[in-house]
Amino acid sequence: MADPKPMVLVAAAALIDTDGRVLIAQRPEGKSLAGLWEFPGGKLEPGETPEACLIRELEEELGIRVTNACLAPFVFASHSYESFHLMMPLYLCRRWDGVITAREHAALAWVKPSKLGDYPMPPADAPLVAWLRDLI
């Protein structure tokens, strides 16, 4: 058997506005998968829960504050990349404080779930689109 790939745990959020649109963020130049659209979030730090990670990452990336109570577990992605395996729980979030600002991304877009497939996404994010389209 080949050496097992390291497991990377990333938490992501589907922020949903009052019109039912989902926020996606474009990865900036210089990062892997640059130019692709993703759900905001990031890697868990040692000992961190997915919810604590999202609270931290959404403040860092978008300048908004969310609480545990506003994060609803929805679905997860499990995807093998060449050098690691990614596990990514996706949470739904409909309430936050502050104004969403692109602090770390090239661009942000509010997109109806039926149109999310029009945006190129990393392989781990793309399968989540069908769940959002069908269930929100």
N, C-alpha and C. Protein backbone atom coordinates (compact mmCIF):
# COMPACT_ATOMS: atom_id res chain seq x y z
N MET A 1 0.84 -1.18 0.00
CA MET A 1 0.00 0.00 0.00
C MET A 1 0.88 1.25 0.00
N ALA A 2 0.49 2.23 -0.76
CA ALA A 2 1.24 3.49 -0.83
C ALA A 2 1.14 4.23 0.50
N ASP A 3 2.10 5.12 0.74
CA ASP A 3 2.04 5.93 1.95
C ASP A 3 0.73 6.70 1.97
N PRO A 4 0.06 6.73 3.11
CA PRO A 4 -1.19 7.50 3.17
C PRO A 4 -0.91 8.99 3.03
N LYS A 5 -1.86 9.66 2.43
CA LYS A 5 -1.74 11.11 2.28
C LYS A 5 -2.12 11.79 3.59
N PRO A 6 -1.49 12.92 3.88
CA PRO A 6 -1.92 13.65 5.08
C PRO A 6 -3.35 14.16 4.90
N MET A 7 -4.07 14.20 6.01
CA MET A 7 -5.45 14.70 6.02
C MET A 7 -5.41 16.18 6.35
N VAL A 8 -6.11 16.98 5.55
CA VAL A 8 -6.23 18.40 5.80
C VAL A 8 -7.70 18.68 6.08
N LEU A 9 -7.96 19.34 7.20
CA LEU A 9 -9.33 19.66 7.58
C LEU A 9 -9.55 21.16 7.39
N VAL A 10 -10.53 21.48 6.56
CA VAL A 10 -10.88 22.86 6.24
C VAL A 10 -12.36 23.05 6.53
N ALA A 11 -12.74 24.16 7.14
CA ALA A 11 -14.15 24.48 7.36
C ALA A 11 -14.53 25.61 6.40
N ALA A 12 -15.74 25.50 5.82
CA ALA A 12 -16.20 26.50 4.87
C ALA A 12 -17.63 26.90 5.21
N ALA A 13 -18.01 28.10 4.76
CA ALA A 13 -19.35 28.61 5.02
C ALA A 13 -20.02 29.04 3.73
N ALA A 14 -21.30 28.69 3.63
CA ALA A 14 -22.15 29.24 2.58
C ALA A 14 -22.95 30.35 3.24
N LEU A 15 -22.49 31.58 3.05
CA LEU A 15 -23.23 32.73 3.58
C LEU A 15 -24.40 32.99 2.64
N ILE A 16 -25.60 33.10 3.20
CA ILE A 16 -26.80 33.25 2.39
C ILE A 16 -27.47 34.56 2.76
N ASP A 17 -27.73 35.41 1.75
CA ASP A 17 -28.35 36.71 2.02
C ASP A 17 -29.87 36.59 1.99
N THR A 18 -30.56 37.70 2.24
CA THR A 18 -32.03 37.68 2.33
C THR A 18 -32.69 37.37 1.00
N ASP A 19 -31.95 37.49 -0.12
CA ASP A 19 -32.49 37.13 -1.43
C ASP A 19 -32.18 35.68 -1.80
N GLY A 20 -31.59 34.92 -0.87
CA GLY A 20 -31.29 33.52 -1.14
C GLY A 20 -30.04 33.31 -1.97
N ARG A 21 -29.21 34.35 -2.11
CA ARG A 21 -27.96 34.21 -2.85
C ARG A 21 -26.85 33.75 -1.91
N VAL A 22 -25.87 33.04 -2.48
CA VAL A 22 -24.74 32.49 -1.73
C VAL A 22 -23.48 33.28 -2.09
N LEU A 23 -22.67 33.60 -1.08
CA LEU A 23 -21.42 34.32 -1.32
C LEU A 23 -20.32 33.34 -1.71
N ILE A 24 -19.65 33.62 -2.82
CA ILE A 24 -18.45 32.87 -3.18
C ILE A 24 -17.31 33.87 -3.35
N ALA A 25 -16.09 33.37 -3.18
CA ALA A 25 -14.91 34.23 -3.18
C ALA A 25 -13.89 33.67 -4.16
N GLN A 26 -13.25 34.57 -4.91
CA GLN A 26 -12.26 34.15 -5.90
C GLN A 26 -10.87 34.11 -5.27
N ARG A 27 -10.20 32.96 -5.45
CA ARG A 27 -8.85 32.80 -4.90
C ARG A 27 -7.88 33.77 -5.60
N PRO A 28 -7.03 34.44 -4.83
CA PRO A 28 -6.14 35.45 -5.41
C PRO A 28 -4.95 34.83 -6.13
N GLU A 29 -4.32 35.64 -6.98
CA GLU A 29 -3.08 35.24 -7.65
C GLU A 29 -2.04 34.90 -6.60
N GLY A 30 -1.21 33.91 -6.91
CA GLY A 30 -0.14 33.53 -5.99
C GLY A 30 -0.54 32.38 -5.06
N LYS A 31 -1.82 32.08 -4.95
CA LYS A 31 -2.27 30.94 -4.15
C LYS A 31 -2.54 29.77 -5.07
N SER A 32 -2.48 28.55 -4.51
CA SER A 32 -2.84 27.40 -5.34
C SER A 32 -4.30 27.56 -5.77
N LEU A 33 -4.61 27.06 -6.95
CA LEU A 33 -5.95 27.16 -7.53
C LEU A 33 -6.40 28.61 -7.70
N ALA A 34 -5.47 29.51 -7.94
CA ALA A 34 -5.77 30.93 -8.12
C ALA A 34 -6.81 31.11 -9.23
N GLY A 35 -7.72 32.06 -9.01
CA GLY A 35 -8.74 32.38 -10.00
C GLY A 35 -10.01 31.56 -9.85
N LEU A 36 -9.94 30.44 -9.12
CA LEU A 36 -11.14 29.63 -8.93
C LEU A 36 -11.99 30.23 -7.80
N TRP A 37 -13.28 29.93 -7.83
CA TRP A 37 -14.22 30.44 -6.85
C TRP A 37 -14.46 29.39 -5.77
N GLU A 38 -14.55 29.84 -4.51
CA GLU A 38 -14.70 28.92 -3.39
C GLU A 38 -15.64 29.50 -2.36
N PHE A 39 -16.02 28.64 -1.42
CA PHE A 39 -16.78 29.11 -0.27
C PHE A 39 -15.77 29.61 0.76
N PRO A 40 -16.02 30.75 1.40
CA PRO A 40 -15.06 31.28 2.37
C PRO A 40 -14.84 30.32 3.54
N GLY A 41 -13.66 30.37 4.08
CA GLY A 41 -13.29 29.52 5.22
C GLY A 41 -11.79 29.30 5.23
N GLY A 42 -11.35 28.24 5.90
CA GLY A 42 -9.92 27.99 5.94
C GLY A 42 -9.58 26.77 6.76
N LYS A 43 -8.28 26.53 6.88
CA LYS A 43 -7.75 25.36 7.60
C LYS A 43 -7.92 25.52 9.10
N LEU A 44 -8.26 24.41 9.73
CA LEU A 44 -8.35 24.39 11.18
C LEU A 44 -6.94 24.42 11.77
N GLU A 45 -6.78 25.16 12.85
CA GLU A 45 -5.54 25.17 13.59
C GLU A 45 -5.60 24.03 14.61
N PRO A 46 -4.45 23.56 15.11
CA PRO A 46 -4.46 22.45 16.07
C PRO A 46 -5.38 22.75 17.25
N GLY A 47 -6.25 21.79 17.57
CA GLY A 47 -7.16 21.93 18.70
C GLY A 47 -8.38 22.79 18.43
N GLU A 48 -8.51 23.33 17.23
CA GLU A 48 -9.61 24.23 16.90
C GLU A 48 -10.82 23.44 16.38
N THR A 49 -12.01 23.86 16.76
CA THR A 49 -13.22 23.24 16.21
C THR A 49 -13.53 23.88 14.85
N PRO A 50 -14.31 23.20 14.00
CA PRO A 50 -14.69 23.82 12.72
C PRO A 50 -15.42 25.15 12.92
N GLU A 51 -16.27 25.22 13.95
CA GLU A 51 -17.01 26.46 14.19
C GLU A 51 -16.07 27.60 14.60
N ALA A 52 -15.13 27.32 15.50
CA ALA A 52 -14.16 28.34 15.92
C ALA A 52 -13.31 28.78 14.73
N CYS A 53 -12.95 27.84 13.88
CA CYS A 53 -12.18 28.16 12.68
C CYS A 53 -12.96 29.13 11.79
N LEU A 54 -14.24 28.85 11.57
CA LEU A 54 -15.04 29.73 10.71
C LEU A 54 -15.21 31.11 11.32
N ILE A 55 -15.44 31.17 12.62
CA ILE A 55 -15.57 32.47 13.28
C ILE A 55 -14.30 33.28 13.05
N ARG A 56 -13.13 32.65 13.21
CA ARG A 56 -11.85 33.33 13.00
C ARG A 56 -11.65 33.69 11.52
N GLU A 57 -11.85 32.73 10.64
CA GLU A 57 -11.58 32.94 9.22
C GLU A 57 -12.52 33.98 8.59
N LEU A 58 -13.79 33.95 8.96
CA LEU A 58 -14.72 34.92 8.36
C LEU A 58 -14.40 36.34 8.80
N GLU A 59 -13.89 36.48 10.02
CA GLU A 59 -13.45 37.81 10.46
C GLU A 59 -12.20 38.23 9.68
N GLU A 60 -11.23 37.31 9.55
CA GLU A 60 -9.98 37.63 8.84
C GLU A 60 -10.22 37.91 7.36
N GLU A 61 -11.01 37.05 6.70
CA GLU A 61 -11.18 37.13 5.25
C GLU A 61 -12.20 38.16 4.81
N LEU A 62 -13.28 38.30 5.59
CA LEU A 62 -14.41 39.12 5.14
C LEU A 62 -14.76 40.27 6.07
N GLY A 63 -14.14 40.32 7.26
CA GLY A 63 -14.41 41.40 8.19
C GLY A 63 -15.77 41.32 8.86
N ILE A 64 -16.34 40.11 8.96
CA ILE A 64 -17.64 39.96 9.61
C ILE A 64 -17.51 39.09 10.86
N ARG A 65 -18.48 39.26 11.75
CA ARG A 65 -18.51 38.48 12.98
C ARG A 65 -19.71 37.55 12.93
N VAL A 66 -19.45 36.27 13.21
CA VAL A 66 -20.52 35.29 13.31
C VAL A 66 -20.37 34.58 14.66
N THR A 67 -21.44 33.96 15.11
CA THR A 67 -21.41 33.20 16.35
C THR A 67 -21.70 31.73 16.05
N ASN A 68 -21.37 30.87 17.00
CA ASN A 68 -21.68 29.44 16.86
C ASN A 68 -23.14 29.22 16.50
N ALA A 69 -24.04 29.99 17.13
CA ALA A 69 -25.47 29.79 16.93
C ALA A 69 -25.90 30.07 15.49
N CYS A 70 -25.10 30.85 14.76
CA CYS A 70 -25.45 31.21 13.38
C CYS A 70 -24.90 30.23 12.36
N LEU A 71 -24.11 29.26 12.80
CA LEU A 71 -23.48 28.29 11.89
C LEU A 71 -24.22 26.96 11.97
N ALA A 72 -24.87 26.58 10.87
CA ALA A 72 -25.62 25.33 10.82
C ALA A 72 -24.88 24.32 9.96
N PRO A 73 -24.43 23.18 10.52
CA PRO A 73 -23.77 22.16 9.70
C PRO A 73 -24.70 21.72 8.58
N PHE A 74 -24.15 21.60 7.36
CA PHE A 74 -25.00 21.32 6.20
C PHE A 74 -24.60 20.04 5.48
N VAL A 75 -23.39 19.99 4.96
CA VAL A 75 -22.92 18.85 4.17
C VAL A 75 -21.40 18.90 4.22
N PHE A 76 -20.72 17.85 3.76
CA PHE A 76 -19.26 17.92 3.75
C PHE A 76 -18.71 17.38 2.44
N ALA A 77 -17.49 17.80 2.15
CA ALA A 77 -16.76 17.30 0.99
C ALA A 77 -15.59 16.45 1.48
N SER A 78 -15.30 15.38 0.76
CA SER A 78 -14.14 14.53 1.00
C SER A 78 -13.49 14.33 -0.36
N HIS A 79 -12.28 14.91 -0.52
CA HIS A 79 -11.65 14.90 -1.84
C HIS A 79 -10.15 14.63 -1.73
N SER A 80 -9.66 13.72 -2.57
CA SER A 80 -8.23 13.43 -2.61
C SER A 80 -7.55 14.29 -3.68
N TYR A 81 -6.66 15.16 -3.22
CA TYR A 81 -5.78 15.90 -4.12
C TYR A 81 -4.51 15.06 -4.26
N GLU A 82 -3.58 15.50 -5.09
CA GLU A 82 -2.38 14.71 -5.35
C GLU A 82 -1.56 14.46 -4.09
N SER A 83 -1.41 15.48 -3.24
CA SER A 83 -0.51 15.34 -2.10
C SER A 83 -1.19 15.29 -0.74
N PHE A 84 -2.52 15.42 -0.70
CA PHE A 84 -3.24 15.37 0.58
C PHE A 84 -4.70 15.02 0.34
N HIS A 85 -5.38 14.63 1.42
CA HIS A 85 -6.82 14.38 1.35
C HIS A 85 -7.53 15.48 2.13
N LEU A 86 -8.52 16.09 1.52
CA LEU A 86 -9.24 17.22 2.12
C LEU A 86 -10.59 16.76 2.66
N MET A 87 -10.86 17.10 3.91
CA MET A 87 -12.19 16.96 4.50
C MET A 87 -12.69 18.36 4.79
N MET A 88 -13.87 18.68 4.28
CA MET A 88 -14.36 20.05 4.41
C MET A 88 -15.85 20.07 4.77
N PRO A 89 -16.17 20.30 6.05
CA PRO A 89 -17.57 20.54 6.39
C PRO A 89 -17.99 21.92 5.87
N LEU A 90 -19.21 21.97 5.31
CA LEU A 90 -19.78 23.23 4.85
C LEU A 90 -20.94 23.59 5.77
N TYR A 91 -20.89 24.78 6.29
CA TYR A 91 -21.93 25.29 7.19
C TYR A 91 -22.75 26.34 6.45
N LEU A 92 -24.04 26.41 6.78
CA LEU A 92 -24.88 27.50 6.29
C LEU A 92 -24.88 28.60 7.33
N CYS A 93 -24.86 29.84 6.85
CA CYS A 93 -24.87 30.99 7.75
C CYS A 93 -25.72 32.08 7.11
N ARG A 94 -26.79 32.47 7.82
CA ARG A 94 -27.71 33.49 7.31
C ARG A 94 -27.65 34.80 8.12
N ARG A 95 -26.87 34.81 9.21
CA ARG A 95 -26.80 36.01 10.06
C ARG A 95 -25.35 36.30 10.43
N TRP A 96 -24.97 37.55 10.30
CA TRP A 96 -23.62 37.99 10.69
C TRP A 96 -23.68 39.47 10.99
N ASP A 97 -22.65 39.95 11.66
CA ASP A 97 -22.52 41.38 11.97
C ASP A 97 -21.36 41.93 11.17
N GLY A 98 -21.54 43.15 10.65
CA GLY A 98 -20.49 43.80 9.89
C GLY A 98 -20.80 43.79 8.40
N VAL A 99 -19.95 44.48 7.67
CA VAL A 99 -20.09 44.59 6.22
C VAL A 99 -19.06 43.68 5.55
N ILE A 100 -19.53 42.82 4.67
CA ILE A 100 -18.63 41.88 3.99
C ILE A 100 -17.70 42.64 3.05
N THR A 101 -16.40 42.41 3.22
CA THR A 101 -15.35 43.07 2.44
C THR A 101 -14.33 42.02 2.01
N ALA A 102 -13.87 42.10 0.78
CA ALA A 102 -12.84 41.17 0.29
C ALA A 102 -11.49 41.60 0.84
N ARG A 103 -11.03 40.96 1.91
CA ARG A 103 -9.73 41.29 2.51
C ARG A 103 -8.62 40.42 1.95
N GLU A 104 -8.93 39.19 1.57
CA GLU A 104 -7.89 38.25 1.12
C GLU A 104 -8.18 37.66 -0.25
N HIS A 105 -9.35 37.93 -0.82
CA HIS A 105 -9.74 37.34 -2.11
C HIS A 105 -9.64 38.37 -3.22
N ALA A 106 -9.52 37.87 -4.46
CA ALA A 106 -9.45 38.75 -5.62
C ALA A 106 -10.81 39.42 -5.87
N ALA A 107 -11.91 38.70 -5.57
CA ALA A 107 -13.25 39.22 -5.80
C ALA A 107 -14.25 38.41 -4.99
N LEU A 108 -15.43 38.99 -4.81
CA LEU A 108 -16.55 38.31 -4.15
C LEU A 108 -17.75 38.39 -5.08
N ALA A 109 -18.64 37.39 -4.99
CA ALA A 109 -19.85 37.42 -5.81
C ALA A 109 -21.00 36.80 -5.02
N TRP A 110 -22.17 37.44 -5.08
CA TRP A 110 -23.40 36.88 -4.54
C TRP A 110 -24.11 36.20 -5.70
N VAL A 111 -24.36 34.89 -5.56
CA VAL A 111 -24.84 34.10 -6.69
C VAL A 111 -26.04 33.25 -6.27
N LYS A 112 -27.07 33.26 -7.11
CA LYS A 112 -28.21 32.36 -6.88
C LYS A 112 -27.69 30.92 -6.96
N PRO A 113 -28.18 30.02 -6.08
CA PRO A 113 -27.70 28.64 -6.11
C PRO A 113 -27.77 28.00 -7.49
N SER A 114 -28.78 28.33 -8.29
CA SER A 114 -28.92 27.74 -9.62
C SER A 114 -27.82 28.19 -10.58
N LYS A 115 -27.11 29.27 -10.24
CA LYS A 115 -26.06 29.81 -11.11
C LYS A 115 -24.64 29.51 -10.61
N LEU A 116 -24.52 28.83 -9.44
CA LEU A 116 -23.19 28.55 -8.90
C LEU A 116 -22.34 27.72 -9.86
N GLY A 117 -22.97 26.84 -10.62
CA GLY A 117 -22.24 26.00 -11.58
C GLY A 117 -21.56 26.78 -12.69
N ASP A 118 -21.92 28.05 -12.84
CA ASP A 118 -21.31 28.90 -13.87
C ASP A 118 -19.92 29.40 -13.47
N TYR A 119 -19.55 29.20 -12.21
CA TYR A 119 -18.27 29.69 -11.69
C TYR A 119 -17.32 28.51 -11.50
N PRO A 120 -16.12 28.56 -12.10
CA PRO A 120 -15.17 27.45 -11.91
C PRO A 120 -14.72 27.38 -10.46
N MET A 121 -14.79 26.18 -9.89
CA MET A 121 -14.45 25.97 -8.47
C MET A 121 -13.41 24.88 -8.33
N PRO A 122 -12.69 24.86 -7.18
CA PRO A 122 -11.78 23.74 -6.90
C PRO A 122 -12.56 22.43 -6.87
N PRO A 123 -11.90 21.31 -7.15
CA PRO A 123 -12.59 20.03 -7.20
C PRO A 123 -13.36 19.68 -5.92
N ALA A 124 -12.89 20.10 -4.76
CA ALA A 124 -13.58 19.77 -3.51
C ALA A 124 -14.85 20.59 -3.34
N ASP A 125 -14.88 21.83 -3.84
CA ASP A 125 -16.04 22.71 -3.66
C ASP A 125 -17.16 22.38 -4.64
N ALA A 126 -16.82 22.02 -5.86
CA ALA A 126 -17.81 21.86 -6.93
C ALA A 126 -18.96 20.91 -6.57
N PRO A 127 -18.71 19.74 -5.94
CA PRO A 127 -19.84 18.84 -5.63
C PRO A 127 -20.84 19.42 -4.63
N LEU A 128 -20.44 20.42 -3.87
CA LEU A 128 -21.33 21.01 -2.87
C LEU A 128 -22.42 21.86 -3.52
N VAL A 129 -22.17 22.29 -4.75
CA VAL A 129 -23.11 23.16 -5.46
C VAL A 129 -24.47 22.49 -5.61
N ALA A 130 -24.49 21.21 -5.96
CA ALA A 130 -25.77 20.51 -6.15
C ALA A 130 -26.58 20.50 -4.86
N TRP A 131 -25.93 20.30 -3.73
CA TRP A 131 -26.63 20.31 -2.44
C TRP A 131 -27.26 21.67 -2.18
N LEU A 132 -26.51 22.73 -2.43
CA LEU A 132 -27.04 24.08 -2.21
C LEU A 132 -28.19 24.35 -3.17
N ARG A 133 -28.02 23.97 -4.43
CA ARG A 133 -29.06 24.22 -5.45
C ARG A 133 -30.35 23.49 -5.08
N ASP A 134 -30.23 22.27 -4.58
CA ASP A 134 -31.41 21.44 -4.33
C ASP A 134 -32.06 21.69 -2.98
N LEU A 135 -31.30 22.18 -1.99
CA LEU A 135 -31.81 22.21 -0.63
C LEU A 135 -31.94 23.57 0.02
N ILE A 136 -31.51 24.64 -0.65
CA ILE A 136 -31.75 25.95 -0.02
C ILE A 136 -32.63 26.81 -0.91
